[in-house]
Amino acid sequence: MFGIADYGAFVVAILVFLAIPGPGNLALLTATGQGGVRSGMAATLGVITGDQALLWLAVAGLSAVLINYPGLFGAVKWVGAVYLLGLGIVLFRAKLGDAPVLTMKPGHYFRQALFITVLNPKAIVFYMAFFPLFVDPAIHQGWLTFAVMATTIAALTLAYGLVLVLLAHHLAARIRANPMVRSLLNKTAGVLLVGFGLKLALFK
């Protein structure tokens, strides 16, 4: 589909990435807790904008490798595989602990969520490791492939953000920094990321 090797797996992988507890999710929950659904959705748009900025930086680097150094693409995939495996193992082994606290100023949720996303050093590394898994040089359609991938990520992030914000608004007392829920999400995401890493390493 549009040069994407496995679109179904791509969608699942994005949903796993979104569900991993981190600064983005914390920003959405914090904004919703402070200002309600409207503030939570403003933060969601900030996360999407930040993700798109990092995503296209990663795409530019990967595209340059594909065009100028096609033989290096295999090495990029192996680096990506190692990163995903390591991230998956770290998430699976994460212990229960106190929920992190995030300070956000009312009225600036979009901008703050954007900066929180852009300044997250793991995000751009994840994107650089993530895209090679679903890019097949034999069927790749250039920037069209990347545009479809970027649009899919934005749409899924918007839908995920809407669901999370509504849940946080209506069930805040139950889901706010629940350590058992965070632990379950970590372990589930860890197992799935290890699986994606193995697929990246072992299959073309």
Protein backbone atom coordinates (compact mmCIF):
# COMPACT_ATOMS: atom_id res chain seq x y z
CA MET A 1 0.00 0.00 0.00
CA PHE A 2 1.67 3.20 -1.26
CA GLY A 3 5.04 1.53 -0.86
CA ILE A 4 4.52 0.57 2.78
CA ALA A 5 5.66 -3.01 3.32
CA ASP A 6 3.03 -3.97 5.91
CA TYR A 7 0.43 -1.26 6.52
CA GLY A 8 -1.53 -3.26 9.10
CA ALA A 9 1.56 -3.87 11.22
CA PHE A 10 2.51 -0.22 10.77
CA VAL A 11 -0.81 0.89 12.30
CA VAL A 12 -0.43 -1.53 15.21
CA ALA A 13 3.12 -0.33 15.86
CA ILE A 14 1.99 3.31 15.97
CA LEU A 15 -0.75 2.46 18.48
CA VAL A 16 1.82 0.66 20.64
CA PHE A 17 4.12 3.69 20.47
CA LEU A 18 1.26 6.01 21.46
CA ALA A 19 0.30 3.82 24.43
CA ILE A 20 3.81 3.82 25.94
CA PRO A 21 3.69 6.03 29.06
CA GLY A 22 5.88 9.05 28.51
CA PRO A 23 6.03 12.86 28.27
CA GLY A 24 3.38 13.04 25.54
CA ASN A 25 0.76 11.08 27.45
CA LEU A 26 1.61 12.94 30.64
CA ALA A 27 1.14 16.28 28.87
CA LEU A 28 -2.31 15.25 27.66
CA LEU A 29 -3.39 14.05 31.10
CA THR A 30 -2.00 17.15 32.83
CA ALA A 31 -3.61 19.58 30.40
CA THR A 32 -6.96 17.78 30.67
CA GLY A 33 -6.79 17.72 34.45
CA GLN A 34 -6.08 21.45 34.58
CA GLY A 35 -8.34 22.78 31.83
CA GLY A 36 -10.73 20.07 30.68
CA VAL A 37 -11.30 18.59 27.23
CA ARG A 38 -10.49 21.77 25.30
CA SER A 39 -7.08 22.08 26.97
CA GLY A 40 -6.42 18.37 26.50
CA MET A 41 -7.12 18.61 22.77
CA ALA A 42 -4.89 21.69 22.49
CA ALA A 43 -2.10 19.62 24.01
CA THR A 44 -2.94 16.78 21.60
CA LEU A 45 -2.47 19.11 18.63
CA GLY A 46 0.82 20.23 20.15
CA VAL A 47 2.00 16.62 20.40
CA ILE A 48 0.97 15.97 16.79
CA THR A 49 2.85 19.05 15.57
CA GLY A 50 5.97 18.09 17.50
CA ASP A 51 5.78 14.51 16.27
CA GLN A 52 5.46 15.68 12.67
CA ALA A 53 8.52 17.91 13.01
CA LEU A 54 10.62 15.04 14.38
CA LEU A 55 9.11 12.60 11.91
CA TRP A 56 10.09 14.65 8.85
CA LEU A 57 13.59 15.19 10.19
CA ALA A 58 13.90 11.42 10.48
CA VAL A 59 12.40 10.94 7.01
CA ALA A 60 14.90 13.39 5.51
CA GLY A 61 17.77 11.39 6.98
CA LEU A 62 16.36 8.04 5.90
CA SER A 63 15.54 9.33 2.43
CA ALA A 64 19.11 10.56 2.01
CA VAL A 65 20.40 7.11 2.94
CA LEU A 66 18.04 5.41 0.47
CA ILE A 67 18.99 7.74 -2.38
CA ASN A 68 22.72 8.27 -1.84
CA TYR A 69 23.82 5.16 0.07
CA PRO A 70 21.49 2.27 -0.80
CA GLY A 71 24.00 -0.25 0.50
CA LEU A 72 23.91 1.42 3.92
CA PHE A 73 20.17 0.83 4.30
CA GLY A 74 20.74 -2.66 5.69
CA ALA A 75 23.00 -1.24 8.39
CA VAL A 76 20.34 1.35 9.28
CA LYS A 77 17.84 -1.46 9.71
CA TRP A 78 20.18 -3.35 12.05
CA VAL A 79 20.73 -0.23 14.16
CA GLY A 80 16.97 0.20 14.31
CA ALA A 81 16.51 -3.41 15.34
CA VAL A 82 18.98 -3.08 18.21
CA TYR A 83 17.32 0.11 19.41
CA LEU A 84 13.81 -1.36 19.38
CA LEU A 85 14.97 -4.51 21.16
CA GLY A 86 16.74 -2.47 23.83
CA LEU A 87 13.77 -0.15 24.32
CA GLY A 88 11.40 -3.12 24.56
CA ILE A 89 13.53 -4.86 27.19
CA VAL A 90 13.84 -1.66 29.27
CA LEU A 91 10.08 -1.12 29.19
CA PHE A 92 9.33 -4.74 30.11
CA ARG A 93 11.71 -4.62 33.09
CA ALA A 94 10.48 -1.23 34.35
CA LYS A 95 9.41 -1.33 38.00
CA LEU A 96 6.41 0.24 39.65
CA GLY A 97 7.06 3.68 41.01
CA ASP A 98 5.60 7.06 41.68
CA ALA A 99 4.02 8.75 38.69
CA PRO A 100 6.03 11.64 37.25
CA VAL A 101 4.77 15.17 37.72
CA LEU A 102 4.55 17.69 34.88
CA THR A 103 4.03 21.43 35.33
CA MET A 104 2.05 23.18 32.60
CA LYS A 105 0.84 26.79 32.49
CA PRO A 106 -2.85 27.41 31.71
CA GLY A 107 -3.43 28.84 28.24
CA HIS A 108 -0.18 27.51 26.78
CA TYR A 109 -0.99 23.82 26.44
CA PHE A 110 -0.42 23.59 22.66
CA ARG A 111 2.98 25.27 22.79
CA GLN A 112 4.14 23.40 25.87
CA ALA A 113 3.07 20.01 24.51
CA LEU A 114 4.87 20.80 21.24
CA PHE A 115 8.13 21.63 23.03
CA ILE A 116 7.80 18.64 25.35
CA THR A 117 7.56 16.41 22.28
CA VAL A 118 10.33 18.04 20.25
CA LEU A 119 12.74 18.06 23.19
CA ASN A 120 12.18 14.38 23.94
CA PRO A 121 15.49 12.84 22.73
CA LYS A 122 14.05 9.34 22.43
CA ALA A 123 11.39 10.37 19.93
CA ILE A 124 13.58 11.18 16.91
CA VAL A 125 15.74 8.11 17.60
CA PHE A 126 12.57 6.00 17.68
CA TYR A 127 11.43 7.39 14.36
CA MET A 128 14.80 6.72 12.75
CA ALA A 129 14.66 3.15 14.04
CA PHE A 130 10.97 2.75 13.22
CA PHE A 131 10.60 3.73 9.57
CA PRO A 132 13.08 1.21 8.09
CA LEU A 133 10.88 -1.61 9.38
CA PHE A 134 8.12 -0.65 6.97
CA VAL A 135 10.11 0.71 4.02
CA ASP A 136 10.89 -1.74 1.22
CA PRO A 137 13.27 -0.19 -1.34
CA ALA A 138 11.78 -2.44 -4.03
CA ILE A 139 8.26 -0.95 -3.71
CA HIS A 140 9.08 2.40 -2.13
CA GLN A 141 7.33 5.31 -3.87
CA GLY A 142 9.51 8.14 -2.62
CA TRP A 143 7.94 11.00 -0.71
CA LEU A 144 4.43 9.64 -1.35
CA THR A 145 5.20 6.67 0.90
CA PHE A 146 6.49 8.91 3.67
CA ALA A 147 3.53 11.31 3.28
CA VAL A 148 1.05 8.46 3.72
CA MET A 149 2.97 7.23 6.77
CA ALA A 150 3.03 10.74 8.27
CA THR A 151 -0.68 11.26 7.63
CA THR A 152 -1.49 7.92 9.22
CA ILE A 153 0.54 8.79 12.31
CA ALA A 154 -1.18 12.18 12.64
CA ALA A 155 -4.66 10.67 12.28
CA LEU A 156 -3.98 7.88 14.78
CA THR A 157 -2.45 10.35 17.25
CA LEU A 158 -5.51 12.61 16.97
CA ALA A 159 -7.88 9.70 17.56
CA TYR A 160 -5.78 8.36 20.44
CA GLY A 161 -5.52 11.82 22.00
CA LEU A 162 -9.28 12.33 21.80
CA VAL A 163 -9.97 9.00 23.52
CA LEU A 164 -7.34 9.61 26.21
CA VAL A 165 -8.55 13.15 26.88
CA LEU A 166 -12.18 12.07 27.19
CA LEU A 167 -11.23 9.22 29.52
CA ALA A 168 -9.04 11.50 31.60
CA HIS A 169 -11.85 14.04 31.83
CA HIS A 170 -14.53 11.59 32.91
CA LEU A 171 -12.48 9.05 34.85
CA ALA A 172 -9.65 11.21 36.18
CA ALA A 173 -9.83 9.91 39.74
CA ARG A 174 -9.42 6.30 38.60
CA ILE A 175 -6.79 6.56 35.89
CA ARG A 176 -4.62 9.36 37.25
CA ALA A 177 -1.11 7.92 37.49
CA ASN A 178 -2.32 4.38 38.30
CA PRO A 179 0.94 2.45 38.81
CA MET A 180 -0.58 -0.94 37.92
CA VAL A 181 -1.94 0.40 34.63
CA ARG A 182 1.41 2.00 33.83
CA SER A 183 3.22 -1.24 34.59
CA LEU A 184 0.88 -3.28 32.38
CA LEU A 185 1.28 -0.80 29.51
CA ASN A 186 5.06 -0.88 29.90
CA LYS A 187 5.26 -4.67 29.79
CA THR A 188 2.82 -5.00 26.88
CA ALA A 189 4.61 -2.33 24.87
CA GLY A 190 7.96 -3.90 25.74
CA VAL A 191 6.95 -7.30 24.39
CA LEU A 192 5.55 -5.79 21.19
CA LEU A 193 8.62 -3.62 20.58
CA VAL A 194 10.90 -6.62 21.03
CA GLY A 195 8.76 -8.41 18.45
CA PHE A 196 9.07 -5.53 15.99
CA GLY A 197 12.80 -5.38 16.59
CA LEU A 198 13.17 -9.09 15.83
CA LYS A 199 11.07 -8.72 12.69
CA LEU A 200 13.25 -5.83 11.56
CA ALA A 201 16.42 -7.85 12.17
CA LEU A 202 15.37 -11.20 10.74
CA PHE A 203 13.09 -10.43 7.81
CA LYS A 204 13.45 -8.34 4.69
